[in-house]
Amino acid sequence: MTEIEFSAKYYDGESSRGIDVRVRLDAANMVHVIGLDAPLEVPLANVRVAPRLGNTVRSIAFPDGAKCETEDNDAADALLRRSGTGRFGDLLHRIESRSRYALAAALGLAAFVVVGVVWGIPIAAKVIAHTIPDEAAYDIGRGTLATLDKTLLDPSELPEERRRELEATFNGMANRYPDLPLTLVFRRGVGPNAFALPDGTVIVTDELVELATDDRQILAVLAHEIGHVHHRHGLRMALESSSIALLVSAYFGDIAQITTLSASLPGVYANAHYSRDHETEADTFALEYLKGAGVAPHHFADILRALSEAAGNAAERTPLRYLASHPPTEDRVRRFDSEK
């Protein structure tokens, strides 16, 4: 093996005074520091060479706390290669030194982040939402309605008799799903809307009831919202908008951390949109329910069209609208129109 020799400054680890020395690596892989009062020889295996970082000064640390510093990066790289640990550092330096490689690495990282946000987090949220025990999952949403009542919603003004009619319809639907803690409540003040909370509460606004021309349209909307509860979409939205640390805590069953989702839920419901996947799942659930109950699926398409028209007329007058949290598409309308 060839010898390696280069200039450096030696620091004994006790003072800040540097001594100009020569460092030599012999064929037997012994490191010699030349220029000190007493000779210093250390096996290369016991020496720690700092990895390359651009063209910064490199340190060569010895077991007794002393070190040498050198600006000769090529020599320091050669020490690393002789020790068998320098290949990764060389590769990293070559990437850093070539702008196109650095750009490619940055683009690769950006692509990784985008894939994680667009696909990875929703998939993780779906898996985690269904691993959380039922009691804990439903408990997360408790208190959300009270917060919404203080910020967005007003008490219902529907006649008592009308509420009882719709509650009877809803209770009949809920009896089909005894595992879901379903509850129906009425509110007003945010335009024609209906949405489900993770604790099983389904909120229907007076404006939606007044917009419907047939109670079977309301029943279709209720079936859709029960689908959101069944698939835990509210919980999944909260998880998707949370931190990675909270996702990990939820996956490993840290219920104390999971309950911190409760504080974020009102904001999630005020600002977030259900994803296309969420809507498709809830639509499929509603479609299966309607067919099983002998209700023509076109009633859901009818109410979607009415909601779309109402949203166009209302413009931005209400802070929370059905079509804001349930983005409609012509495909969804056509799907229910085409079903018999």
C-alpha atoms as a PDB file:
ATOM      1  CA  MET A   1       0.000   0.000   0.000  1.00  0.00           C
ATOM      2  CA  THR A   2       1.185   3.520  -0.743  1.00  0.00           C
ATOM      3  CA  GLU A   3       1.872   5.970   2.041  1.00  0.00           C
ATOM      4  CA  ILE A   4      -0.284   9.077   2.521  1.00  0.00           C
ATOM      5  CA  GLU A   5       1.210  12.285   3.942  1.00  0.00           C
ATOM      6  CA  PHE A   6      -0.284  15.764   4.383  1.00  0.00           C
ATOM      7  CA  SER A   7      -0.060  18.968   6.467  1.00  0.00           C
ATOM      8  CA  ALA A   8      -2.300  19.594   9.458  1.00  0.00           C
ATOM      9  CA  LYS A   9      -2.652  21.445  12.747  1.00  0.00           C
ATOM     10  CA  TYR A  10      -2.479  19.375  15.942  1.00  0.00           C
ATOM     11  CA  TYR A  11      -4.598  20.173  19.050  1.00  0.00           C
ATOM     12  CA  ASP A  12      -3.897  18.276  22.248  1.00  0.00           C
ATOM     13  CA  GLY A  13      -7.476  18.605  23.549  1.00  0.00           C
ATOM     14  CA  GLU A  14      -6.422  20.646  26.554  1.00  0.00           C
ATOM     15  CA  SER A  15      -5.607  24.021  25.003  1.00  0.00           C
ATOM     16  CA  SER A  16      -6.628  25.955  21.905  1.00  0.00           C
ATOM     17  CA  ARG A  17      -3.048  26.272  20.683  1.00  0.00           C
ATOM     18  CA  GLY A  18      -2.451  24.539  17.368  1.00  0.00           C
ATOM     19  CA  ILE A  19       0.846  23.029  16.281  1.00  0.00           C
ATOM     20  CA  ASP A  20       1.850  22.678  12.639  1.00  0.00           C
ATOM     21  CA  VAL A  21       2.536  19.013  11.950  1.00  0.00           C
ATOM     22  CA  ARG A  22       2.700  16.440   9.183  1.00  0.00           C
ATOM     23  CA  VAL A  23       0.417  13.420   9.277  1.00  0.00           C
ATOM     24  CA  ARG A  24       1.575  10.217   7.594  1.00  0.00           C
ATOM     25  CA  LEU A  25      -0.205   6.907   7.060  1.00  0.00           C
ATOM     26  CA  ASP A  26       2.265   4.100   6.444  1.00  0.00           C
ATOM     27  CA  ALA A  27       1.784   0.825   4.586  1.00  0.00           C
ATOM     28  CA  ALA A  28       0.857  -0.939   7.851  1.00  0.00           C
ATOM     29  CA  ASN A  29      -2.051   1.482   8.409  1.00  0.00           C
ATOM     30  CA  MET A  30      -0.388   3.270  11.300  1.00  0.00           C
ATOM     31  CA  VAL A  31      -1.034   7.021  11.582  1.00  0.00           C
ATOM     32  CA  HIS A  32       2.078   9.050  12.520  1.00  0.00           C
ATOM     33  CA  VAL A  33       1.951  12.684  13.688  1.00  0.00           C
ATOM     34  CA  ILE A  34       5.315  14.268  12.904  1.00  0.00           C
ATOM     35  CA  GLY A  35       6.450  17.515  14.520  1.00  0.00           C
ATOM     36  CA  LEU A  36       5.502  16.956  18.160  1.00  0.00           C
ATOM     37  CA  ASP A  37       7.931  16.805  21.083  1.00  0.00           C
ATOM     38  CA  ALA A  38       7.022  13.146  21.578  1.00  0.00           C
ATOM     39  CA  PRO A  39       6.178  10.833  18.660  1.00  0.00           C
ATOM     40  CA  LEU A  40       2.505   9.923  18.224  1.00  0.00           C
ATOM     41  CA  GLU A  41       1.520   6.695  16.479  1.00  0.00           C
ATOM     42  CA  VAL A  42      -2.065   5.413  16.375  1.00  0.00           C
ATOM     43  CA  PRO A  43      -3.604   2.517  14.380  1.00  0.00           C
ATOM     44  CA  LEU A  44      -5.895   3.827  11.645  1.00  0.00           C
ATOM     45  CA  ALA A  45      -8.700   1.661  13.057  1.00  0.00           C
ATOM     46  CA  ASN A  46      -8.634   3.793  16.224  1.00  0.00           C
ATOM     47  CA  VAL A  47      -8.779   7.122  14.374  1.00  0.00           C
ATOM     48  CA  ARG A  48     -12.061   8.866  13.538  1.00  0.00           C
ATOM     49  CA  VAL A  49     -11.974  10.901  10.319  1.00  0.00           C
ATOM     50  CA  ALA A  50     -14.817  13.394   9.810  1.00  0.00           C
ATOM     51  CA  PRO A  51     -16.838  12.892   6.615  1.00  0.00           C
ATOM     52  CA  ARG A  52     -16.488  15.420   3.821  1.00  0.00           C
ATOM     53  CA  LEU A  53     -18.804  18.437   3.832  1.00  0.00           C
ATOM     54  CA  GLY A  54     -18.055  20.593   0.820  1.00  0.00           C
ATOM     55  CA  ASN A  55     -14.582  22.061   1.248  1.00  0.00           C
ATOM     56  CA  THR A  56     -14.703  22.653   5.007  1.00  0.00           C
ATOM     57  CA  VAL A  57     -11.801  21.796   7.309  1.00  0.00           C
ATOM     58  CA  ARG A  58     -11.667  18.093   8.223  1.00  0.00           C
ATOM     59  CA  SER A  59     -10.850  16.759  11.687  1.00  0.00           C
ATOM     60  CA  ILE A  60      -8.960  13.580  12.507  1.00  0.00           C
ATOM     61  CA  ALA A  61      -9.704  12.557  16.095  1.00  0.00           C
ATOM     62  CA  PHE A  62      -7.471  10.365  18.262  1.00  0.00           C
ATOM     63  CA  PRO A  63      -8.513   8.156  21.214  1.00  0.00           C
ATOM     64  CA  ASP A  64      -6.887  10.414  23.851  1.00  0.00           C
ATOM     65  CA  GLY A  65      -9.036  13.429  22.861  1.00  0.00           C
ATOM     66  CA  ALA A  66      -6.410  15.083  20.690  1.00  0.00           C
ATOM     67  CA  LYS A  67      -7.102  15.849  17.036  1.00  0.00           C
ATOM     68  CA  CYS A  68      -5.616  17.131  13.832  1.00  0.00           C
ATOM     69  CA  GLU A  69      -7.353  19.491  11.416  1.00  0.00           C
ATOM     70  CA  THR A  70      -6.510  19.686   7.742  1.00  0.00           C
ATOM     71  CA  GLU A  71      -7.702  21.505   4.628  1.00  0.00           C
ATOM     72  CA  ASP A  72      -6.439  18.627   2.477  1.00  0.00           C
ATOM     73  CA  ASN A  73      -9.775  16.965   1.790  1.00  0.00           C
ATOM     74  CA  ASP A  74      -8.314  14.550  -0.743  1.00  0.00           C
ATOM     75  CA  ALA A  75      -5.890  13.198   1.859  1.00  0.00           C
ATOM     76  CA  ALA A  76      -8.647  12.882   4.461  1.00  0.00           C
ATOM     77  CA  ASP A  77     -10.794  11.039   1.895  1.00  0.00           C
ATOM     78  CA  ALA A  78      -7.876   8.709   1.254  1.00  0.00           C
ATOM     79  CA  LEU A  79      -7.708   7.925   4.978  1.00  0.00           C
ATOM     80  CA  LEU A  80     -11.407   7.079   4.959  1.00  0.00           C
ATOM     81  CA  ARG A  81     -11.016   4.818   1.949  1.00  0.00           C
ATOM     82  CA  ARG A  82      -8.119   2.991   3.578  1.00  0.00           C
ATOM     83  CA  SER A  83     -10.273   2.483   6.662  1.00  0.00           C
ATOM     84  CA  GLY A  84     -13.073   1.100   4.472  1.00  0.00           C
ATOM     85  CA  THR A  85     -15.640   3.754   5.411  1.00  0.00           C
ATOM     86  CA  GLY A  86     -15.207   6.423   2.763  1.00  0.00           C
ATOM     87  CA  ARG A  87     -17.283   5.227  -0.187  1.00  0.00           C
ATOM     88  CA  PHE A  88     -20.557   6.821   0.933  1.00  0.00           C
ATOM     89  CA  GLY A  89     -18.828  10.104   1.735  1.00  0.00           C
ATOM     90  CA  ASP A  90     -17.235  10.180  -1.707  1.00  0.00           C
ATOM     91  CA  LEU A  91     -20.595   9.568  -3.360  1.00  0.00           C
ATOM     92  CA  LEU A  92     -22.270  12.295  -1.298  1.00  0.00           C
ATOM     93  CA  HIS A  93     -19.525  14.763  -2.163  1.00  0.00           C
ATOM     94  CA  ARG A  94     -19.803  13.991  -5.871  1.00  0.00           C
ATOM     95  CA  ILE A  95     -23.540  14.607  -5.707  1.00  0.00           C
ATOM     96  CA  GLU A  96     -23.054  17.872  -3.806  1.00  0.00           C
ATOM     97  CA  SER A  97     -20.385  18.978  -6.287  1.00  0.00           C
ATOM     98  CA  ARG A  98     -22.531  18.549  -9.374  1.00  0.00           C
ATOM     99  CA  SER A  99     -25.470  20.902  -9.665  1.00  0.00           C
ATOM    100  CA  ARG A 100     -27.528  18.580 -11.855  1.00  0.00           C
ATOM    101  CA  TYR A 101     -27.171  15.759  -9.333  1.00  0.00           C
ATOM    102  CA  ALA A 102     -28.087  18.110  -6.501  1.00  0.00           C
ATOM    103  CA  LEU A 103     -31.118  19.313  -8.480  1.00  0.00           C
ATOM    104  CA  ALA A 104     -32.152  15.734  -9.215  1.00  0.00           C
ATOM    105  CA  ALA A 105     -31.844  14.878  -5.518  1.00  0.00           C
ATOM    106  CA  ALA A 106     -33.955  17.909  -4.572  1.00  0.00           C
ATOM    107  CA  LEU A 107     -36.608  16.990  -7.132  1.00  0.00           C
ATOM    108  CA  GLY A 108     -36.580  13.406  -5.890  1.00  0.00           C
ATOM    109  CA  LEU A 109     -37.105  14.593  -2.325  1.00  0.00           C
ATOM    110  CA  ALA A 110     -39.940  16.886  -3.435  1.00  0.00           C
ATOM    111  CA  ALA A 111     -41.570  14.003  -5.314  1.00  0.00           C
ATOM    112  CA  PHE A 112     -41.250  11.797  -2.237  1.00  0.00           C
ATOM    113  CA  VAL A 113     -42.944  14.444  -0.087  1.00  0.00           C
ATOM    114  CA  VAL A 114     -45.761  14.932  -2.612  1.00  0.00           C
ATOM    115  CA  VAL A 115     -46.377  11.187  -2.872  1.00  0.00           C
ATOM    116  CA  GLY A 116     -46.427  10.960   0.914  1.00  0.00           C
ATOM    117  CA  VAL A 117     -48.896  13.816   1.306  1.00  0.00           C
ATOM    118  CA  VAL A 118     -51.191  12.878  -1.598  1.00  0.00           C
ATOM    119  CA  TRP A 119     -51.246   9.105  -1.128  1.00  0.00           C
ATOM    120  CA  GLY A 120     -49.208   8.047   1.891  1.00  0.00           C
ATOM    121  CA  ILE A 121     -50.915  10.092   4.615  1.00  0.00           C
ATOM    122  CA  PRO A 122     -54.503   9.326   3.464  1.00  0.00           C
ATOM    123  CA  ILE A 123     -53.698   5.605   3.311  1.00  0.00           C
ATOM    124  CA  ALA A 124     -52.079   5.736   6.750  1.00  0.00           C
ATOM    125  CA  ALA A 125     -55.050   7.698   8.141  1.00  0.00           C
ATOM    126  CA  LYS A 126     -57.478   5.095   6.782  1.00  0.00           C
ATOM    127  CA  VAL A 127     -55.552   2.207   8.337  1.00  0.00           C
ATOM    128  CA  ILE A 128     -55.092   3.995  11.660  1.00  0.00           C
ATOM    129  CA  ALA A 129     -58.716   5.166  11.873  1.00  0.00           C
ATOM    130  CA  HIS A 130     -59.867   1.549  11.696  1.00  0.00           C
ATOM    131  CA  THR A 131     -57.311   0.311  14.243  1.00  0.00           C
ATOM    132  CA  ILE A 132     -58.486   2.732  16.939  1.00  0.00           C
ATOM    133  CA  PRO A 133     -60.949   0.967  19.279  1.00  0.00           C
ATOM    134  CA  ASP A 134     -64.609   1.885  18.700  1.00  0.00           C
ATOM    135  CA  GLU A 135     -65.071   3.538  22.078  1.00  0.00           C
ATOM    136  CA  ALA A 136     -61.984   5.715  21.649  1.00  0.00           C
ATOM    137  CA  ALA A 137     -62.845   6.594  18.035  1.00  0.00           C
ATOM    138  CA  TYR A 138     -66.346   7.743  18.919  1.00  0.00           C
ATOM    139  CA  ASP A 139     -65.156   9.574  22.023  1.00  0.00           C
ATOM    140  CA  ILE A 140     -62.858  11.753  19.895  1.00  0.00           C
ATOM    141  CA  GLY A 141     -65.810  13.569  18.347  1.00  0.00           C
ATOM    142  CA  ARG A 142     -67.587  14.358  21.590  1.00  0.00           C
ATOM    143  CA  GLY A 143     -67.590  18.036  22.295  1.00  0.00           C
ATOM    144  CA  THR A 144     -67.270  18.967  18.622  1.00  0.00           C
ATOM    145  CA  LEU A 145     -70.982  19.736  18.310  1.00  0.00           C
ATOM    146  CA  ALA A 146     -70.850  22.001  21.361  1.00  0.00           C
ATOM    147  CA  THR A 147     -67.992  23.952  19.812  1.00  0.00           C
ATOM    148  CA  LEU A 148     -69.779  24.231  16.463  1.00  0.00           C
ATOM    149  CA  ASP A 149     -72.885  25.463  18.291  1.00  0.00           C
ATOM    150  CA  LYS A 150     -70.828  28.284  19.774  1.00  0.00           C
ATOM    151  CA  THR A 151     -69.169  29.276  16.510  1.00  0.00           C
ATOM    152  CA  LEU A 152     -71.165  28.320  13.398  1.00  0.00           C
ATOM    153  CA  LEU A 153     -74.545  26.782  14.160  1.00  0.00           C
ATOM    154  CA  ASP A 154     -77.820  28.208  15.467  1.00  0.00           C
ATOM    155  CA  PRO A 155     -80.712  26.325  17.129  1.00  0.00           C
ATOM    156  CA  SER A 156     -83.191  24.701  14.763  1.00  0.00           C
ATOM    157  CA  GLU A 157     -86.531  26.388  14.143  1.00  0.00           C
ATOM    158  CA  LEU A 158     -88.188  23.386  12.527  1.00  0.00           C
ATOM    159  CA  PRO A 159     -91.610  22.587  13.980  1.00  0.00           C
ATOM    160  CA  GLU A 160     -91.488  19.871  16.631  1.00  0.00           C
ATOM    161  CA  GLU A 161     -93.761  17.617  14.603  1.00  0.00           C
ATOM    162  CA  ARG A 162     -91.511  17.863  11.548  1.00  0.00           C
ATOM    163  CA  ARG A 163     -88.441  17.015  13.597  1.00  0.00           C
ATOM    164  CA  ARG A 164     -90.188  13.989  15.080  1.00  0.00           C
ATOM    165  CA  GLU A 165     -91.090  12.724  11.598  1.00  0.00           C
ATOM    166  CA  LEU A 166     -87.509  12.911  10.412  1.00  0.00           C
ATOM    167  CA  GLU A 167     -86.156  11.458  13.667  1.00  0.00           C
ATOM    168  CA  ALA A 168     -88.469   8.463  13.246  1.00  0.00           C
ATOM    169  CA  THR A 169     -87.123   7.922   9.723  1.00  0.00           C
ATOM    170  CA  PHE A 170     -83.540   8.245  10.944  1.00  0.00           C
ATOM    171  CA  ASN A 171     -84.069   5.890  13.898  1.00  0.00           C
ATOM    172  CA  GLY A 172     -85.427   3.267  11.535  1.00  0.00           C
ATOM    173  CA  MET A 173     -82.259   3.605   9.457  1.00  0.00           C
ATOM    174  CA  ALA A 174     -80.018   3.545  12.537  1.00  0.00           C
ATOM    175  CA  ASN A 175     -81.574   0.275  13.701  1.00  0.00           C
ATOM    176  CA  ARG A 176     -79.906  -1.396  10.733  1.00  0.00           C
ATOM    177  CA  TYR A 177     -76.482  -0.434  12.111  1.00  0.00           C
ATOM    178  CA  PRO A 178     -76.506  -1.277  15.840  1.00  0.00           C
ATOM    179  CA  ASP A 179     -72.702  -1.016  16.016  1.00  0.00           C
ATOM    180  CA  LEU A 180     -72.794   2.691  15.120  1.00  0.00           C
ATOM    181  CA  PRO A 181     -73.783   5.205  17.870  1.00  0.00           C
ATOM    182  CA  LEU A 182     -75.980   7.235  15.514  1.00  0.00           C
ATOM    183  CA  THR A 183     -77.807  10.384  16.640  1.00  0.00           C
ATOM    184  CA  LEU A 184     -79.696  12.966  14.555  1.00  0.00           C
ATOM    185  CA  VAL A 185     -79.744  16.668  15.475  1.00  0.00           C
ATOM    186  CA  PHE A 186     -81.091  19.740  13.677  1.00  0.00           C
ATOM    187  CA  ARG A 187     -79.449  23.141  13.371  1.00  0.00           C
ATOM    188  CA  ARG A 188     -79.639  26.176  11.086  1.00  0.00           C
ATOM    189  CA  GLY A 189     -77.582  29.175  10.003  1.00  0.00           C
ATOM    190  CA  VAL A 190     -75.115  27.659   7.538  1.00  0.00           C
ATOM    191  CA  GLY A 191     -77.290  27.056   4.509  1.00  0.00           C
ATOM    192  CA  PRO A 192     -78.580  23.699   3.250  1.00  0.00           C
ATOM    193  CA  ASN A 193     -76.163  21.209   4.732  1.00  0.00           C
ATOM    194  CA  ALA A 194     -75.726  17.863   6.435  1.00  0.00           C
ATOM    195  CA  PHE A 195     -72.575  16.378   7.909  1.00  0.00           C
ATOM    196  CA  ALA A 196     -71.532  13.620  10.288  1.00  0.00           C
ATOM    197  CA  LEU A 197     -69.192  13.831  13.280  1.00  0.00           C
ATOM    198  CA  PRO A 198     -66.871  10.987  14.330  1.00  0.00           C
ATOM    199  CA  ASP A 199     -69.016  10.275  17.422  1.00  0.00           C
ATOM    200  CA  GLY A 200     -71.970   9.315  15.176  1.00  0.00           C
ATOM    201  CA  THR A 201     -73.841  12.612  15.378  1.00  0.00           C
ATOM    202  CA  VAL A 202     -75.470  13.511  12.060  1.00  0.00           C
ATOM    203  CA  ILE A 203     -76.323  17.202  11.730  1.00  0.00           C
ATOM    204  CA  VAL A 204     -79.061  18.301   9.316  1.00  0.00           C
ATOM    205  CA  THR A 205     -79.883  21.964   8.807  1.00  0.00           C
ATOM    206  CA  ASP A 206     -83.333  23.474   8.562  1.00  0.00           C
ATOM    207  CA  GLU A 207     -82.365  24.879   5.189  1.00  0.00           C
ATOM    208  CA  LEU A 208     -81.714  21.388   3.802  1.00  0.00           C
ATOM    209  CA  VAL A 209     -85.076  20.136   5.047  1.00  0.00           C
ATOM    210  CA  GLU A 210     -86.799  23.136   3.443  1.00  0.00           C
ATOM    211  CA  LEU A 211     -84.902  22.641   0.175  1.00  0.00           C
ATOM    212  CA  ALA A 212     -85.950  19.006  -0.244  1.00  0.00           C
ATOM    213  CA  THR A 213     -89.131  18.423  -2.250  1.00  0.00           C
ATOM    214  CA  ASP A 214     -89.452  14.797  -1.146  1.00  0.00           C
ATOM    215  CA  ASP A 215     -88.571  13.153   2.175  1.00  0.00           C
ATOM    216  CA  ARG A 216     -86.827  10.417   0.224  1.00  0.00           C
ATOM    217  CA  GLN A 217     -84.257  13.026  -0.794  1.00  0.00           C
ATOM    218  CA  ILE A 218     -83.537  13.677   2.896  1.00  0.00           C
ATOM    219  CA  LEU A 219     -83.400   9.933   3.536  1.00  0.00           C
ATOM    220  CA  ALA A 220     -80.791   9.610   0.770  1.00  0.00           C
ATOM    221  CA  VAL A 221     -78.684  12.360   2.344  1.00  0.00           C
ATOM    222  CA  LEU A 222     -78.961  10.665   5.742  1.00  0.00           C
ATOM    223  CA  ALA A 223     -77.807   7.374   4.212  1.00  0.00           C
ATOM    224  CA  HIS A 224     -74.833   9.175   2.727  1.00  0.00           C
ATOM    225  CA  GLU A 225     -73.929  10.708   6.108  1.00  0.00           C
ATOM    226  CA  ILE A 226     -74.274   7.362   7.886  1.00  0.00           C
ATOM    227  CA  GLY A 227     -71.782   6.114   5.293  1.00  0.00           C
ATOM    228  CA  HIS A 228     -69.314   8.760   6.464  1.00  0.00           C
ATOM    229  CA  VAL A 229     -69.725   7.534  10.058  1.00  0.00           C
ATOM    230  CA  HIS A 230     -69.362   3.892   8.999  1.00  0.00           C
ATOM    231  CA  HIS A 231     -66.117   4.619   7.162  1.00  0.00           C
ATOM    232  CA  ARG A 232     -64.843   6.993   9.902  1.00  0.00           C
ATOM    233  CA  HIS A 233     -64.260   9.771   7.397  1.00  0.00           C
ATOM    234  CA  GLY A 234     -64.395  12.536  10.000  1.00  0.00           C
ATOM    235  CA  LEU A 235     -61.695  10.829  12.034  1.00  0.00           C
ATOM    236  CA  ARG A 236     -59.664  10.198   8.909  1.00  0.00           C
ATOM    237  CA  MET A 237     -59.878  13.892   7.942  1.00  0.00           C
ATOM    238  CA  ALA A 238     -58.638  14.868  11.405  1.00  0.00           C
ATOM    239  CA  LEU A 239     -55.778  12.370  11.175  1.00  0.00           C
ATOM    240  CA  GLU A 240     -54.840  13.541   7.680  1.00  0.00           C
ATOM    241  CA  SER A 241     -54.608  17.138   8.899  1.00  0.00           C
ATOM    242  CA  SER A 242     -52.599  16.191  12.004  1.00  0.00           C
ATOM    243  CA  SER A 243     -48.880  15.780  12.492  1.00  0.00           C
ATOM    244  CA  ILE A 244     -46.918  12.665  11.604  1.00  0.00           C
ATOM    245  CA  ALA A 245     -46.137  12.250  15.317  1.00  0.00           C
ATOM    246  CA  LEU A 246     -49.852  12.091  16.095  1.00  0.00           C
ATOM    247  CA  LEU A 247     -50.394   9.527  13.332  1.00  0.00           C
ATOM    248  CA  VAL A 248     -47.670   7.358  14.852  1.00  0.00           C
ATOM    249  CA  SER A 249     -49.145   7.788  18.349  1.00  0.00           C
ATOM    250  CA  ALA A 250     -52.561   6.785  17.043  1.00  0.00           C
ATOM    251  CA  TYR A 251     -51.178   3.733  15.266  1.00  0.00           C
ATOM    252  CA  PHE A 252     -49.470   2.480  18.414  1.00  0.00           C
ATOM    253  CA  GLY A 253     -52.567   3.104  20.529  1.00  0.00           C
ATOM    254  CA  ASP A 254     -51.496   6.144  22.549  1.00  0.00           C
ATOM    255  CA  ILE A 255     -55.066   7.167  23.429  1.00  0.00           C
ATOM    256  CA  ALA A 256     -53.894  10.139  25.495  1.00  0.00           C
ATOM    257  CA  GLN A 257     -52.372  11.595  22.339  1.00  0.00           C
ATOM    258  CA  ILE A 258     -55.288  10.542  20.137  1.00  0.00           C
ATOM    259  CA  THR A 259     -57.717  12.627  22.174  1.00  0.00           C
ATOM    260  CA  THR A 260     -55.843  15.789  21.163  1.00  0.00           C
ATOM    261  CA  LEU A 261     -57.666  15.384  17.840  1.00  0.00           C
ATOM    262  CA  SER A 262     -60.844  16.586  19.539  1.00  0.00           C
ATOM    263  CA  ALA A 263     -59.572  20.154  19.739  1.00  0.00           C
ATOM    264  CA  SER A 264     -58.903  20.254  15.998  1.00  0.00           C
ATOM    265  CA  LEU A 265     -62.171  18.744  14.793  1.00  0.00           C
ATOM    266  CA  PRO A 266     -64.282  21.940  14.677  1.00  0.00           C
ATOM    267  CA  GLY A 267     -61.671  23.581  12.481  1.00  0.00           C
ATOM    268  CA  VAL A 268     -61.479  20.500  10.294  1.00  0.00           C
ATOM    269  CA  TYR A 269     -65.235  20.550   9.714  1.00  0.00           C
ATOM    270  CA  ALA A 270     -65.272  24.287   9.033  1.00  0.00           C
ATOM    271  CA  ASN A 271     -62.440  24.266   6.511  1.00  0.00           C
ATOM    272  CA  ALA A 272     -61.744  20.799   5.102  1.00  0.00           C
ATOM    273  CA  HIS A 273     -63.358  19.084   2.145  1.00  0.00           C
ATOM    274  CA  TYR A 274     -64.085  15.413   1.952  1.00  0.00           C
ATOM    275  CA  SER A 275     -61.812  13.745  -0.551  1.00  0.00           C
ATOM    276  CA  ARG A 276     -63.109  12.134  -3.722  1.00  0.00           C
ATOM    277  CA  ASP A 277     -62.392   8.720  -2.167  1.00  0.00           C
ATOM    278  CA  HIS A 278     -64.421   9.598   0.929  1.00  0.00           C
ATOM    279  CA  GLU A 279     -67.341  10.716  -1.210  1.00  0.00           C
ATOM    280  CA  THR A 280     -67.210   7.606  -3.361  1.00  0.00           C
ATOM    281  CA  GLU A 281     -67.236   5.367  -0.293  1.00  0.00           C
ATOM    282  CA  ALA A 282     -70.162   7.251   1.289  1.00  0.00           C
ATOM    283  CA  ASP A 283     -72.035   7.286  -2.034  1.00  0.00           C
ATOM    284  CA  THR A 284     -71.602   3.535  -2.405  1.00  0.00           C
ATOM    285  CA  PHE A 285     -72.882   3.019   1.124  1.00  0.00           C
ATOM    286  CA  ALA A 286     -75.920   5.223   0.409  1.00  0.00           C
ATOM    287  CA  LEU A 287     -76.607   3.501  -2.893  1.00  0.00           C
ATOM    288  CA  GLU A 288     -76.593   0.063  -1.275  1.00  0.00           C
ATOM    289  CA  TYR A 289     -78.886   1.309   1.487  1.00  0.00           C
ATOM    290  CA  LEU A 290     -81.372   2.879  -0.937  1.00  0.00           C
ATOM    291  CA  LYS A 291     -81.539  -0.251  -3.057  1.00  0.00           C
ATOM    292  CA  GLY A 292     -82.027  -2.412   0.017  1.00  0.00           C
ATOM    293  CA  ALA A 293     -84.768  -0.131   1.313  1.00  0.00           C
ATOM    294  CA  GLY A 294     -86.552  -0.014  -2.037  1.00  0.00           C
ATOM    295  CA  VAL A 295     -85.946   3.725  -2.494  1.00  0.00           C
ATOM    296  CA  ALA A 296     -85.136   4.941  -6.013  1.00  0.00           C
ATOM    297  CA  PRO A 297     -81.483   6.148  -6.097  1.00  0.00           C
ATOM    298  CA  HIS A 298     -82.383   9.136  -8.290  1.00  0.00           C
ATOM    299  CA  HIS A 299     -83.661  10.916  -5.153  1.00  0.00           C
ATOM    300  CA  PHE A 300     -80.048  11.494  -4.112  1.00  0.00           C
ATOM    301  CA  ALA A 301     -79.227  12.876  -7.556  1.00  0.00           C
ATOM    302  CA  ASP A 302     -82.263  15.169  -7.263  1.00  0.00           C
ATOM    303  CA  ILE A 303     -81.129  16.652  -3.959  1.00  0.00           C
ATOM    304  CA  LEU A 304     -77.575  17.069  -5.268  1.00  0.00           C
ATOM    305  CA  ARG A 305     -78.902  19.095  -8.178  1.00  0.00           C
ATOM    306  CA  ALA A 306     -81.017  21.210  -5.844  1.00  0.00           C
ATOM    307  CA  LEU A 307     -78.024  21.797  -3.564  1.00  0.00           C
ATOM    308  CA  SER A 308     -75.875  22.796  -6.512  1.00  0.00           C
ATOM    309  CA  GLU A 309     -78.450  25.343  -7.632  1.00  0.00           C
ATOM    310  CA  ALA A 310     -78.882  26.664  -4.081  1.00  0.00           C
ATOM    311  CA  ALA A 311     -75.127  27.007  -3.642  1.00  0.00           C
ATOM    312  CA  GLY A 312     -74.931  29.017  -6.852  1.00  0.00           C
ATOM    313  CA  ASN A 313     -77.645  31.369  -5.650  1.00  0.00           C
ATOM    314  CA  ALA A 314     -76.230  31.730  -2.145  1.00  0.00           C
ATOM    315  CA  ALA A 315     -72.695  32.390  -3.420  1.00  0.00           C
ATOM    316  CA  GLU A 316     -70.520  33.159  -0.409  1.00  0.00           C
ATOM    317  CA  ARG A 317     -73.207  34.170   2.082  1.00  0.00           C
ATOM    318  CA  THR A 318     -72.745  31.160   4.361  1.00  0.00           C
ATOM    319  CA  PRO A 319     -69.472  29.966   5.896  1.00  0.00           C
ATOM    320  CA  LEU A 320     -70.272  26.258   5.672  1.00  0.00           C
ATOM    321  CA  ARG A 321     -72.254  24.838   2.765  1.00  0.00           C
ATOM    322  CA  TYR A 322     -73.075  21.271   1.780  1.00  0.00           C
ATOM    323  CA  LEU A 323     -71.262  21.584  -1.518  1.00  0.00           C
ATOM    324  CA  ALA A 324     -68.186  23.013   0.186  1.00  0.00           C
ATOM    325  CA  SER A 325     -67.770  19.978   2.431  1.00  0.00           C
ATOM    326  CA  HIS A 326     -69.257  17.530  -0.112  1.00  0.00           C
ATOM    327  CA  PRO A 327     -67.904  18.580  -3.519  1.00  0.00           C
ATOM    328  CA  PRO A 328     -70.417  17.358  -6.124  1.00  0.00           C
ATOM    329  CA  THR A 329     -69.510  16.052  -9.523  1.00  0.00           C
ATOM    330  CA  GLU A 330     -71.554  15.272 -12.592  1.00  0.00           C
ATOM    331  CA  ASP A 331     -70.257  11.718 -12.313  1.00  0.00           C
ATOM    332  CA  ARG A 332     -71.903  11.342  -8.902  1.00  0.00           C
ATOM    333  CA  VAL A 333     -75.221  12.664 -10.170  1.00  0.00           C
ATOM    334  CA  ARG A 334     -75.100  10.447 -13.246  1.00  0.00           C
ATOM    335  CA  ARG A 335     -74.261   7.427 -11.110  1.00  0.00           C
ATOM    336  CA  PHE A 336     -77.431   7.754  -9.036  1.00  0.00           C
ATOM    337  CA  ASP A 337     -79.554   8.762 -12.013  1.00  0.00           C
ATOM    338  CA  SER A 338     -78.494   5.647 -13.909  1.00  0.00           C
ATOM    339  CA  GLU A 339     -79.315   3.242 -11.072  1.00  0.00           C
ATOM    340  CA  LYS A 340     -82.737   1.636 -11.076  1.00  0.00           C
END
